[in-house]
Amino acid sequence: MQDLNHGREHERIDFNRMVLLTGEQEYGGYIHDVSANGISVGFVSPEDQNNHTFKMGDSITVAIENIGAVTGNVKRILGNGLAVALDVSGEDEEKFIAQIKDAKNRSAANA
């Protein structure tokens, strides 16, 4: 199994789910992986990947299919997407990760 944590404080969860990325404009995307304090997302279309308007530090909302929306800030702009630092902590952070793990487990059970 691949180590996605790379020495990070929070466990990274490989999670494939569609998202809607909202800043000044909206873009379709998908999750690469997620942790309690961050999420890595890619753009669905090459056009969005090449022409999105996100900049480092921009506020962003990531609406996750069948989970809900989380907010954060663009931490890195990647070749195929964005790394987003999430604005969740404490009990909200625990609930968010529990929802992600539950959704992942349900997807695996239905596969």
C-alpha atoms as a PDB file:
ATOM      1  CA  MET A   1       0.000   0.000   0.000  1.00  0.00           C
ATOM      2  CA  GLN A   2       1.297   3.453  -0.924  1.00  0.00           C
ATOM      3  CA  ASP A   3       2.129   5.800   1.988  1.00  0.00           C
ATOM      4  CA  LEU A   4       0.147   8.966   1.235  1.00  0.00           C
ATOM      5  CA  ASN A   5       1.090  10.665   4.527  1.00  0.00           C
ATOM      6  CA  HIS A   6       4.749  11.460   3.769  1.00  0.00           C
ATOM      7  CA  GLY A   7       5.365  12.277   7.445  1.00  0.00           C
ATOM      8  CA  ARG A   8       2.344  14.584   7.720  1.00  0.00           C
ATOM      9  CA  GLU A   9       0.468  15.126  10.979  1.00  0.00           C
ATOM     10  CA  HIS A  10      -2.915  14.020   9.588  1.00  0.00           C
ATOM     11  CA  GLU A  11      -3.706  10.762   7.810  1.00  0.00           C
ATOM     12  CA  ARG A  12      -4.318  11.149   4.081  1.00  0.00           C
ATOM     13  CA  ILE A  13      -7.230   9.177   2.706  1.00  0.00           C
ATOM     14  CA  ASP A  14      -7.315   8.135  -0.933  1.00  0.00           C
ATOM     15  CA  PHE A  15     -10.877   9.119  -1.845  1.00  0.00           C
ATOM     16  CA  ASN A  16     -12.376   9.319  -5.327  1.00  0.00           C
ATOM     17  CA  ARG A  17     -15.397  11.636  -5.339  1.00  0.00           C
ATOM     18  CA  MET A  18     -16.720  14.384  -7.592  1.00  0.00           C
ATOM     19  CA  VAL A  19     -16.659  17.956  -6.279  1.00  0.00           C
ATOM     20  CA  LEU A  20     -17.716  21.446  -7.261  1.00  0.00           C
ATOM     21  CA  LEU A  21     -14.963  24.025  -6.738  1.00  0.00           C
ATOM     22  CA  THR A  22     -16.281  27.518  -6.097  1.00  0.00           C
ATOM     23  CA  GLY A  23     -14.328  30.738  -5.850  1.00  0.00           C
ATOM     24  CA  GLU A  24     -15.020  33.635  -8.197  1.00  0.00           C
ATOM     25  CA  GLN A  25     -16.251  30.988 -10.667  1.00  0.00           C
ATOM     26  CA  GLU A  26     -17.346  27.345 -10.410  1.00  0.00           C
ATOM     27  CA  TYR A  27     -15.451  24.360 -11.778  1.00  0.00           C
ATOM     28  CA  GLY A  28     -16.085  20.635 -11.799  1.00  0.00           C
ATOM     29  CA  GLY A  29     -13.447  18.561 -10.091  1.00  0.00           C
ATOM     30  CA  TYR A  30     -12.602  15.367  -8.265  1.00  0.00           C
ATOM     31  CA  ILE A  31     -10.714  14.499  -5.105  1.00  0.00           C
ATOM     32  CA  HIS A  32      -7.238  12.964  -5.284  1.00  0.00           C
ATOM     33  CA  ASP A  33      -6.957  12.585  -1.520  1.00  0.00           C
ATOM     34  CA  VAL A  34      -8.163  14.244   1.659  1.00  0.00           C
ATOM     35  CA  SER A  35      -6.992  14.712   5.250  1.00  0.00           C
ATOM     36  CA  ALA A  36      -8.365  16.528   8.281  1.00  0.00           C
ATOM     37  CA  ASN A  37      -6.627  19.749   7.288  1.00  0.00           C
ATOM     38  CA  GLY A  38      -6.404  19.585   3.518  1.00  0.00           C
ATOM     39  CA  ILE A  39      -7.714  18.268   0.262  1.00  0.00           C
ATOM     40  CA  SER A  40      -6.072  17.689  -3.101  1.00  0.00           C
ATOM     41  CA  VAL A  41      -8.404  18.157  -6.053  1.00  0.00           C
ATOM     42  CA  GLY A  42      -8.110  17.918  -9.810  1.00  0.00           C
ATOM     43  CA  PHE A  43     -10.139  19.609 -12.524  1.00  0.00           C
ATOM     44  CA  VAL A  44     -12.531  17.519 -14.621  1.00  0.00           C
ATOM     45  CA  SER A  45     -11.819  19.246 -17.920  1.00  0.00           C
ATOM     46  CA  PRO A  46      -8.447  20.157 -19.408  1.00  0.00           C
ATOM     47  CA  GLU A  47      -9.953  23.550 -20.288  1.00  0.00           C
ATOM     48  CA  ASP A  48     -10.681  24.276 -16.608  1.00  0.00           C
ATOM     49  CA  GLN A  49      -7.253  22.960 -15.647  1.00  0.00           C
ATOM     50  CA  ASN A  50      -5.577  25.409 -18.021  1.00  0.00           C
ATOM     51  CA  ASN A  51      -7.890  28.407 -17.554  1.00  0.00           C
ATOM     52  CA  HIS A  52      -9.083  28.398 -13.919  1.00  0.00           C
ATOM     53  CA  THR A  53      -8.891  31.694 -12.020  1.00  0.00           C
ATOM     54  CA  PHE A  54      -7.649  30.391  -8.645  1.00  0.00           C
ATOM     55  CA  LYS A  55      -4.554  31.957  -7.099  1.00  0.00           C
ATOM     56  CA  MET A  56      -2.542  31.083  -3.998  1.00  0.00           C
ATOM     57  CA  GLY A  57      -4.437  32.143  -0.873  1.00  0.00           C
ATOM     58  CA  ASP A  58      -7.833  32.428  -2.602  1.00  0.00           C
ATOM     59  CA  SER A  59     -10.867  31.414  -0.573  1.00  0.00           C
ATOM     60  CA  ILE A  60     -12.527  28.319  -1.992  1.00  0.00           C
ATOM     61  CA  THR A  61     -15.537  26.136  -1.255  1.00  0.00           C
ATOM     62  CA  VAL A  62     -15.293  22.455  -2.104  1.00  0.00           C
ATOM     63  CA  ALA A  63     -18.726  20.831  -2.345  1.00  0.00           C
ATOM     64  CA  ILE A  64     -18.189  17.078  -2.077  1.00  0.00           C
ATOM     65  CA  GLU A  65     -20.717  14.757  -3.685  1.00  0.00           C
ATOM     66  CA  ASN A  66     -22.966  13.176  -1.006  1.00  0.00           C
ATOM     67  CA  ILE A  67     -20.904  14.713   1.843  1.00  0.00           C
ATOM     68  CA  GLY A  68     -21.400  18.484   1.879  1.00  0.00           C
ATOM     69  CA  ALA A  69     -19.273  21.592   1.497  1.00  0.00           C
ATOM     70  CA  VAL A  70     -16.044  22.617   3.225  1.00  0.00           C
ATOM     71  CA  THR A  71     -14.186  25.884   2.904  1.00  0.00           C
ATOM     72  CA  GLY A  72     -10.519  26.708   2.829  1.00  0.00           C
ATOM     73  CA  ASN A  73      -7.771  28.506   0.970  1.00  0.00           C
ATOM     74  CA  VAL A  74      -5.715  27.520  -2.048  1.00  0.00           C
ATOM     75  CA  LYS A  75      -2.379  26.400  -0.644  1.00  0.00           C
ATOM     76  CA  ARG A  76      -0.721  25.193  -3.861  1.00  0.00           C
ATOM     77  CA  ILE A  77      -1.543  25.213  -7.544  1.00  0.00           C
ATOM     78  CA  LEU A  78      -0.619  21.843  -9.003  1.00  0.00           C
ATOM     79  CA  GLY A  79      -0.202  20.817 -12.625  1.00  0.00           C
ATOM     80  CA  ASN A  80      -3.584  19.116 -12.649  1.00  0.00           C
ATOM     81  CA  GLY A  81      -5.416  20.798  -9.762  1.00  0.00           C
ATOM     82  CA  LEU A  82      -5.172  22.461  -6.374  1.00  0.00           C
ATOM     83  CA  ALA A  83      -4.114  21.737  -2.815  1.00  0.00           C
ATOM     84  CA  VAL A  84      -6.552  23.354  -0.400  1.00  0.00           C
ATOM     85  CA  ALA A  85      -5.931  24.035   3.305  1.00  0.00           C
ATOM     86  CA  LEU A  86      -9.292  23.453   5.001  1.00  0.00           C
ATOM     87  CA  ASP A  87     -10.921  25.681   7.613  1.00  0.00           C
ATOM     88  CA  VAL A  88     -12.006  22.857   9.930  1.00  0.00           C
ATOM     89  CA  SER A  89     -10.798  22.083  13.419  1.00  0.00           C
ATOM     90  CA  GLY A  90     -11.704  20.267  16.602  1.00  0.00           C
ATOM     91  CA  GLU A  91     -15.042  18.493  16.562  1.00  0.00           C
ATOM     92  CA  ASP A  92     -15.830  19.647  12.993  1.00  0.00           C
ATOM     93  CA  GLU A  93     -12.552  18.120  11.812  1.00  0.00           C
ATOM     94  CA  GLU A  94     -13.401  14.794  13.468  1.00  0.00           C
ATOM     95  CA  LYS A  95     -16.914  14.787  11.959  1.00  0.00           C
ATOM     96  CA  PHE A  96     -15.545  15.606   8.494  1.00  0.00           C
ATOM     97  CA  ILE A  97     -13.026  12.744   8.539  1.00  0.00           C
ATOM     98  CA  ALA A  98     -15.658  10.353   9.942  1.00  0.00           C
ATOM     99  CA  GLN A  99     -17.957  11.274   7.021  1.00  0.00           C
ATOM    100  CA  ILE A 100     -15.149  10.701   4.503  1.00  0.00           C
ATOM    101  CA  LYS A 101     -14.209   7.322   6.014  1.00  0.00           C
ATOM    102  CA  ASP A 102     -17.861   6.255   6.189  1.00  0.00           C
ATOM    103  CA  ALA A 103     -18.447   7.203   2.542  1.00  0.00           C
ATOM    104  CA  LYS A 104     -15.279   5.388   1.495  1.00  0.00           C
ATOM    105  CA  ASN A 105     -16.302   2.259   3.421  1.00  0.00           C
ATOM    106  CA  ARG A 106     -19.798   2.313   1.877  1.00  0.00           C
ATOM    107  CA  SER A 107     -18.298   2.673  -1.609  1.00  0.00           C
ATOM    108  CA  ALA A 108     -15.972  -0.268  -0.985  1.00  0.00           C
ATOM    109  CA  ALA A 109     -18.854  -2.394   0.315  1.00  0.00           C
ATOM    110  CA  ASN A 110     -20.901  -1.635  -2.825  1.00  0.00           C
ATOM    111  CA  ALA A 111     -18.031  -2.433  -5.199  1.00  0.00           C
END
